[in-house]
C-alpha atoms as a PDB file:
ATOM      1  CA  MET A   1      70.171-123.641-191.211  1.00  0.00           C
ATOM      2  CA  ASN A   2      71.577-120.546-189.372  1.00  0.00           C
ATOM      3  CA  GLU A   3      68.856-118.663-187.423  1.00  0.00           C
ATOM      4  CA  ARG A   4      69.091-115.553-185.510  1.00  0.00           C
ATOM      5  CA  LEU A   5      67.965-115.392-181.929  1.00  0.00           C
ATOM      6  CA  ILE A   6      66.367-112.148-180.726  1.00  0.00           C
ATOM      7  CA  VAL A   7      66.197-111.664-176.777  1.00  0.00           C
ATOM      8  CA  PHE A   8      64.084-108.780-175.546  1.00  0.00           C
ATOM      9  CA  ILE A   9      64.531-107.650-171.664  1.00  0.00           C
ATOM     10  CA  ASP A  10      62.174-105.570-170.143  1.00  0.00           C
ATOM     11  CA  ASP A  11      62.363-103.772-166.807  1.00  0.00           C
ATOM     12  CA  LEU A  12      65.774-104.624-165.988  1.00  0.00           C
ATOM     13  CA  ASP A  13      66.037-101.157-164.221  1.00  0.00           C
ATOM     14  CA  ARG A  14      63.615-102.170-161.720  1.00  0.00           C
ATOM     15  CA  CYS A  15      65.710-105.116-160.636  1.00  0.00           C
ATOM     16  CA  LYS A  16      68.268-104.646-157.585  1.00  0.00           C
ATOM     17  CA  GLN A  17      71.588-103.349-158.877  1.00  0.00           C
ATOM     18  CA  GLU A  18      73.496-106.402-158.060  1.00  0.00           C
ATOM     19  CA  ALA A  19      71.278-107.720-160.341  1.00  0.00           C
ATOM     20  CA  ILE A  20      71.425-105.777-163.108  1.00  0.00           C
ATOM     21  CA  ILE A  21      75.307-105.957-163.246  1.00  0.00           C
ATOM     22  CA  THR A  22      74.889-109.693-162.932  1.00  0.00           C
ATOM     23  CA  LEU A  23      72.825-109.720-166.204  1.00  0.00           C
ATOM     24  CA  LEU A  24      74.933-106.903-167.841  1.00  0.00           C
ATOM     25  CA  ASP A  25      78.181-109.040-167.020  1.00  0.00           C
ATOM     26  CA  ALA A  26      76.536-112.182-168.451  1.00  0.00           C
ATOM     27  CA  LEU A  27      75.478-110.361-171.652  1.00  0.00           C
ATOM     28  CA  SER A  28      79.305-108.966-171.972  1.00  0.00           C
ATOM     29  CA  ILE A  29      80.597-112.598-171.660  1.00  0.00           C
ATOM     30  CA  TYR A  30      78.085-114.382-174.025  1.00  0.00           C
ATOM     31  CA  PHE A  31      78.364-111.485-176.502  1.00  0.00           C
ATOM     32  CA  SER A  32      82.094-112.136-176.613  1.00  0.00           C
ATOM     33  CA  SER A  33      81.485-115.661-178.182  1.00  0.00           C
ATOM     34  CA  ASP A  34      80.680-116.143-181.892  1.00  0.00           C
ATOM     35  CA  CYS A  35      76.881-115.867-181.688  1.00  0.00           C
ATOM     36  CA  ASP A  36      74.357-114.621-183.879  1.00  0.00           C
ATOM     37  CA  VAL A  37      72.167-113.039-181.127  1.00  0.00           C
ATOM     38  CA  ILE A  38      70.136-109.705-181.186  1.00  0.00           C
ATOM     39  CA  THR A  39      69.356-108.433-177.319  1.00  0.00           C
ATOM     40  CA  ILE A  40      67.088-105.450-176.826  1.00  0.00           C
ATOM     41  CA  LEU A  41      67.064-103.812-173.480  1.00  0.00           C
ATOM     42  CA  ASN A  42      64.110-101.840-172.733  1.00  0.00           C
ATOM     43  CA  ILE A  43      65.651 -99.560-169.873  1.00  0.00           C
ATOM     44  CA  ASP A  44      65.987 -96.305-167.914  1.00  0.00           C
ATOM     45  CA  ILE A  45      69.572 -95.651-168.830  1.00  0.00           C
ATOM     46  CA  ASN A  46      70.138 -93.712-165.877  1.00  0.00           C
ATOM     47  CA  ILE A  47      69.187 -96.336-163.498  1.00  0.00           C
ATOM     48  CA  ILE A  48      71.422 -98.641-165.320  1.00  0.00           C
ATOM     49  CA  ILE A  49      74.354 -96.085-165.121  1.00  0.00           C
ATOM     50  CA  GLU A  50      73.826 -95.497-161.216  1.00  0.00           C
ATOM     51  CA  ALA A  51      74.296 -99.094-161.125  1.00  0.00           C
ATOM     52  CA  THR A  52      77.052 -99.482-163.211  1.00  0.00           C
ATOM     53  CA  ASN A  53      78.851 -96.526-160.968  1.00  0.00           C
ATOM     54  CA  LYS A  54      78.350 -98.302-157.893  1.00  0.00           C
ATOM     55  CA  LYS A  55      80.127-101.525-159.379  1.00  0.00           C
ATOM     56  CA  LEU A  56      82.921 -99.500-160.558  1.00  0.00           C
ATOM     57  CA  GLY A  57      83.303 -97.584-157.157  1.00  0.00           C
ATOM     58  CA  GLN A  58      82.144 -94.231-158.874  1.00  0.00           C
ATOM     59  CA  LYS A  59      81.085 -91.592-156.284  1.00  0.00           C
ATOM     60  CA  ASN A  60      81.117 -88.747-158.120  1.00  0.00           C
ATOM     61  CA  LYS A  61      78.883 -87.515-161.054  1.00  0.00           C
ATOM     62  CA  ASN A  62      81.397 -88.455-163.750  1.00  0.00           C
ATOM     63  CA  ASN A  63      79.739 -90.915-165.685  1.00  0.00           C
ATOM     64  CA  ASN A  64      82.660 -91.553-168.341  1.00  0.00           C
ATOM     65  CA  ALA A  65      83.544 -94.799-167.011  1.00  0.00           C
ATOM     66  CA  ALA A  66      79.894 -95.952-166.848  1.00  0.00           C
ATOM     67  CA  ALA A  67      79.437 -94.997-170.405  1.00  0.00           C
ATOM     68  CA  ARG A  68      82.671 -96.816-171.526  1.00  0.00           C
ATOM     69  CA  TYR A  69      81.461-100.072-169.580  1.00  0.00           C
ATOM     70  CA  LEU A  70      77.931 -99.959-171.239  1.00  0.00           C
ATOM     71  CA  GLU A  71      79.543 -99.201-174.557  1.00  0.00           C
ATOM     72  CA  LYS A  72      80.892-102.896-174.651  1.00  0.00           C
ATOM     73  CA  ILE A  73      77.613-104.192-174.190  1.00  0.00           C
ATOM     74  CA  ILE A  74      75.100-101.981-175.537  1.00  0.00           C
ATOM     75  CA  GLN A  75      75.873-101.086-179.230  1.00  0.00           C
ATOM     76  CA  LEU A  76      73.125 -98.833-180.171  1.00  0.00           C
ATOM     77  CA  ASN A  77      71.198 -96.390-177.896  1.00  0.00           C
ATOM     78  CA  TYR A  78      67.700 -95.397-179.079  1.00  0.00           C
ATOM     79  CA  ASN A  79      65.416 -93.223-177.141  1.00  0.00           C
ATOM     80  CA  LEU A  80      61.841 -93.787-177.859  1.00  0.00           C
ATOM     81  CA  PRO A  81      59.997 -90.886-179.218  1.00  0.00           C
ATOM     82  CA  LYS A  82      57.627 -89.000-176.412  1.00  0.00           C
ATOM     83  CA  ILE A  83      54.127 -90.238-176.937  1.00  0.00           C
ATOM     84  CA  SER A  84      51.789 -87.880-178.218  1.00  0.00           C
ATOM     85  CA  ALA A  85      48.839 -86.244-176.578  1.00  0.00           C
ATOM     86  CA  PRO A  86      46.163 -87.971-178.552  1.00  0.00           C
ATOM     87  CA  GLN A  87      48.173 -91.651-178.094  1.00  0.00           C
ATOM     88  CA  TYR A  88      48.529 -90.913-174.334  1.00  0.00           C
ATOM     89  CA  ASN A  89      45.144 -90.022-173.445  1.00  0.00           C
ATOM     90  CA  LYS A  90      43.930 -92.890-175.751  1.00  0.00           C
ATOM     91  CA  LEU A  91      46.191 -95.275-173.530  1.00  0.00           C
ATOM     92  CA  LEU A  92      45.320 -93.403-170.283  1.00  0.00           C
ATOM     93  CA  PHE A  93      41.537 -93.616-170.694  1.00  0.00           C
ATOM     94  CA  SER A  94      41.598 -97.317-171.900  1.00  0.00           C
ATOM     95  CA  LEU A  95      42.799 -98.516-168.504  1.00  0.00           C
ATOM     96  CA  LEU A  96      39.840 -96.662-166.532  1.00  0.00           C
ATOM     97  CA  PRO A  97      36.951 -98.342-166.068  1.00  0.00           C
ATOM     98  CA  PHE A  98      34.506 -96.273-167.766  1.00  0.00           C
ATOM     99  CA  ASN A  99      31.066 -97.177-168.823  1.00  0.00           C
ATOM    100  CA  ASP A 100      29.287 -95.963-171.907  1.00  0.00           C
ATOM    101  CA  SER A 101      27.212 -92.689-169.989  1.00  0.00           C
ATOM    102  CA  SER A 102      30.948 -91.536-168.774  1.00  0.00           C
ATOM    103  CA  ILE A 103      32.547 -91.083-172.455  1.00  0.00           C
ATOM    104  CA  HIS A 104      31.227 -87.717-173.060  1.00  0.00           C
ATOM    105  CA  SER A 105      34.450 -85.675-172.850  1.00  0.00           C
ATOM    106  CA  PRO A 106      35.608 -84.011-176.414  1.00  0.00           C
ATOM    107  CA  LEU A 107      39.192 -85.475-175.401  1.00  0.00           C
ATOM    108  CA  ILE A 108      38.225 -88.827-174.528  1.00  0.00           C
ATOM    109  CA  LYS A 109      36.029 -88.881-177.971  1.00  0.00           C
ATOM    110  CA  GLN A 110      39.133 -87.884-179.837  1.00  0.00           C
ATOM    111  CA  ALA A 111      41.143 -90.551-177.986  1.00  0.00           C
ATOM    112  CA  ASP A 112      38.547 -93.023-179.117  1.00  0.00           C
ATOM    113  CA  ALA A 113      38.827 -95.056-175.872  1.00  0.00           C
ATOM    114  CA  GLN A 114      36.972 -98.121-175.366  1.00  0.00           C
ATOM    115  CA  PRO A 115      34.710 -98.403-172.385  1.00  0.00           C
ATOM    116  CA  GLN A 116      35.353-100.883-169.899  1.00  0.00           C
ATOM    117  CA  ARG A 117      34.523-101.790-166.317  1.00  0.00           C
ATOM    118  CA  ASP A 118      36.758-104.578-164.293  1.00  0.00           C
ATOM    119  CA  ASN A 119      35.608-105.743-161.134  1.00  0.00           C
ATOM    120  CA  ILE A 120      37.380-107.618-158.392  1.00  0.00           C
ATOM    121  CA  THR A 121      35.385-110.317-156.904  1.00  0.00           C
ATOM    122  CA  ILE A 122      36.189-112.512-154.065  1.00  0.00           C
ATOM    123  CA  GLU A 123      33.779-115.678-154.830  1.00  0.00           C
ATOM    124  CA  LYS A 124      31.389-116.825-152.161  1.00  0.00           C
ATOM    125  CA  ALA A 125      32.082-120.209-150.731  1.00  0.00           C
ATOM    126  CA  ASP A 126      29.732-123.248-151.838  1.00  0.00           C
ATOM    127  CA  THR A 127      26.943-123.275-149.067  1.00  0.00           C
ATOM    128  CA  GLU A 128      26.334-126.892-150.293  1.00  0.00           C
ATOM    129  CA  GLN A 129      29.632-128.021-148.850  1.00  0.00           C
ATOM    130  CA  LYS A 130      30.082-129.952-145.956  1.00  0.00           C
ATOM    131  CA  PRO A 131      30.136-127.847-142.571  1.00  0.00           C
ATOM    132  CA  GLU A 132      33.993-128.564-142.006  1.00  0.00           C
ATOM    133  CA  GLU A 133      34.473-127.570-145.729  1.00  0.00           C
ATOM    134  CA  ASN A 134      32.723-124.402-145.797  1.00  0.00           C
ATOM    135  CA  ASN A 135      35.083-121.504-144.923  1.00  0.00           C
ATOM    136  CA  ASN A 136      31.804-118.947-144.945  1.00  0.00           C
ATOM    137  CA  TYR A 137      33.535-116.546-147.412  1.00  0.00           C
ATOM    138  CA  SER A 138      31.491-113.230-148.212  1.00  0.00           C
ATOM    139  CA  VAL A 139      31.427-111.555-151.187  1.00  0.00           C
ATOM    140  CA  ILE A 140      33.465-108.562-151.813  1.00  0.00           C
ATOM    141  CA  LYS A 141      33.109-106.105-154.782  1.00  0.00           C
ATOM    142  CA  LEU A 142      35.897-103.625-155.128  1.00  0.00           C
ATOM    143  CA  GLU A 143      34.166-101.411-157.860  1.00  0.00           C
ATOM    144  CA  LEU A 144      34.787 -97.892-158.743  1.00  0.00           C
ATOM    145  CA  PRO A 145      31.654 -96.004-158.696  1.00  0.00           C
ATOM    146  CA  GLN A 146      31.032 -93.720-161.397  1.00  0.00           C
ATOM    147  CA  ASP A 147      31.279 -90.331-159.637  1.00  0.00           C
ATOM    148  CA  ILE A 148      34.903 -91.406-158.430  1.00  0.00           C
ATOM    149  CA  ALA A 149      35.535 -92.336-162.199  1.00  0.00           C
ATOM    150  CA  ASP A 150      34.324 -89.142-163.398  1.00  0.00           C
ATOM    151  CA  ALA A 151      36.458 -87.307-160.744  1.00  0.00           C
ATOM    152  CA  LEU A 152      39.656 -89.476-161.925  1.00  0.00           C
ATOM    153  CA  LYS A 153      38.940 -88.673-165.825  1.00  0.00           C
ATOM    154  CA  ASP A 154      38.552 -85.189-165.133  1.00  0.00           C
ATOM    155  CA  PHE A 155      41.708 -85.193-163.036  1.00  0.00           C
ATOM    156  CA  PHE A 156      43.484 -86.756-165.627  1.00  0.00           C
ATOM    157  CA  LEU A 157      42.166 -84.126-168.428  1.00  0.00           C
ATOM    158  CA  LEU A 158      43.338 -81.184-166.207  1.00  0.00           C
ATOM    159  CA  TYR A 159      46.660 -82.382-165.019  1.00  0.00           C
ATOM    160  CA  GLY A 160      47.615 -85.402-167.128  1.00  0.00           C
ATOM    161  CA  ASP A 161      50.119 -83.517-169.382  1.00  0.00           C
ATOM    162  CA  LEU A 162      51.715 -82.232-166.233  1.00  0.00           C
ATOM    163  CA  ILE A 163      51.889 -85.173-164.224  1.00  0.00           C
ATOM    164  CA  GLN A 164      52.503 -88.014-166.849  1.00  0.00           C
ATOM    165  CA  PHE A 165      51.182 -91.258-165.180  1.00  0.00           C
ATOM    166  CA  SER A 166      52.492 -94.221-166.689  1.00  0.00           C
ATOM    167  CA  PRO A 167      50.224 -97.115-167.297  1.00  0.00           C
ATOM    168  CA  ARG A 168      51.454 -98.944-164.257  1.00  0.00           C
ATOM    169  CA  LYS A 169      50.689 -95.913-161.956  1.00  0.00           C
ATOM    170  CA  VAL A 170      47.027 -95.504-163.488  1.00  0.00           C
ATOM    171  CA  LYS A 171      46.273 -98.976-162.766  1.00  0.00           C
ATOM    172  CA  ARG A 172      47.592 -98.744-159.296  1.00  0.00           C
ATOM    173  CA  ILE A 173      45.467 -95.509-158.583  1.00  0.00           C
ATOM    174  CA  VAL A 174      42.408 -97.165-159.805  1.00  0.00           C
ATOM    175  CA  ASN A 175      42.854-100.478-157.440  1.00  0.00           C
ATOM    176  CA  ILE A 176      43.843 -97.920-154.480  1.00  0.00           C
ATOM    177  CA  LEU A 177      40.670 -96.037-155.164  1.00  0.00           C
ATOM    178  CA  ARG A 178      38.703 -99.061-155.392  1.00  0.00           C
ATOM    179  CA  ILE A 179      39.941-100.226-151.793  1.00  0.00           C
ATOM    180  CA  LEU A 180      39.455 -96.838-150.290  1.00  0.00           C
ATOM    181  CA  ASN A 181      36.072 -96.607-151.387  1.00  0.00           C
ATOM    182  CA  SER A 182      35.014-100.072-150.108  1.00  0.00           C
ATOM    183  CA  ASP A 183      36.811 -99.115-146.808  1.00  0.00           C
ATOM    184  CA  LEU A 184      35.081 -95.735-146.635  1.00  0.00           C
ATOM    185  CA  ASN A 185      31.660 -97.217-147.300  1.00  0.00           C
ATOM    186  CA  SER A 186      31.812 -99.881-144.534  1.00  0.00           C
ATOM    187  CA  ASN A 187      32.896 -97.439-142.243  1.00  0.00           C
ATOM    188  CA  ASN A 188      30.210 -95.023-143.427  1.00  0.00           C
ATOM    189  CA  ILE A 189      32.685 -92.028-144.248  1.00  0.00           C
ATOM    190  CA  ASN A 190      31.653 -89.678-146.953  1.00  0.00           C
ATOM    191  CA  ILE A 191      34.551 -87.915-148.932  1.00  0.00           C
ATOM    192  CA  GLU A 192      33.906 -85.869-152.110  1.00  0.00           C
ATOM    193  CA  PRO A 193      35.107 -87.878-155.280  1.00  0.00           C
ATOM    194  CA  GLU A 194      37.053 -84.989-156.358  1.00  0.00           C
ATOM    195  CA  ALA A 195      39.021 -84.678-153.064  1.00  0.00           C
ATOM    196  CA  LEU A 196      39.696 -88.167-152.654  1.00  0.00           C
ATOM    197  CA  THR A 197      40.840 -88.590-156.322  1.00  0.00           C
ATOM    198  CA  ALA A 198      43.079 -85.469-156.131  1.00  0.00           C
ATOM    199  CA  ALA A 199      44.488 -86.975-152.976  1.00  0.00           C
ATOM    200  CA  VAL A 200      45.333 -90.140-154.405  1.00  0.00           C
ATOM    201  CA  CYS A 201      46.693 -89.000-157.312  1.00  0.00           C
ATOM    202  CA  LEU A 202      49.053 -86.490-155.636  1.00  0.00           C
ATOM    203  CA  ILE A 203      50.219 -89.040-153.094  1.00  0.00           C
ATOM    204  CA  GLU A 204      51.369 -91.312-155.730  1.00  0.00           C
ATOM    205  CA  ASN A 205      52.860 -89.015-157.669  1.00  0.00           C
ATOM    206  CA  TRP A 206      54.775 -87.585-154.925  1.00  0.00           C
ATOM    207  CA  LYS A 207      54.818 -90.292-152.397  1.00  0.00           C
ATOM    208  CA  ILE A 208      53.580 -88.252-149.533  1.00  0.00           C
ATOM    209  CA  LEU A 209      53.155 -90.515-146.760  1.00  0.00           C
ATOM    210  CA  ILE A 210      49.821 -90.101-144.762  1.00  0.00           C
ATOM    211  CA  HIS A 211      49.243 -92.134-141.697  1.00  0.00           C
ATOM    212  CA  ARG A 212      45.730 -92.680-140.791  1.00  0.00           C
ATOM    213  CA  ARG A 213      44.915 -91.522-136.992  1.00  0.00           C
END
């Protein structure tokens, strides 16, 4: 019985350029044989073209050579449709650690986001252990306070369509805010939630480097 093998490759564009080309060359060689395989690549084609141009020694903006090389490997290009605003908001707000009281915006209700709260905890060492086995860890809870969660929600409502944060970026922002909040509290530093949230979001979007003095 002949069976078809389907291979799905994701995040190839996040690899080093040399690794991208190595995999593409391997696929090209494999596809030249008589095999019943379908390979699906979920990639940013511009990054793949850049890596291909480097392989081919193309230093100009003419991508014809890269396109011809990729045509031998990629039989069909399909651009995913842009996610609609309701779908985007549903996905975005599902990643935020809201509780029930924070779901009050009409846009959030329309998105039907599911409230959730995630905690990161380093468990305290068992005090019943022998002295030499007790590492004396302290409990650290990196929670996102409700005022910061609300400020983050408001920021996304105002600027989400303009910036279009990816799910990976949203998770990163939430984790950064958790760590910053814990650090600020331990040093008795008060920053308005709106200012803290806006600063983190803008820095993450435009990669501004800020050095703490």
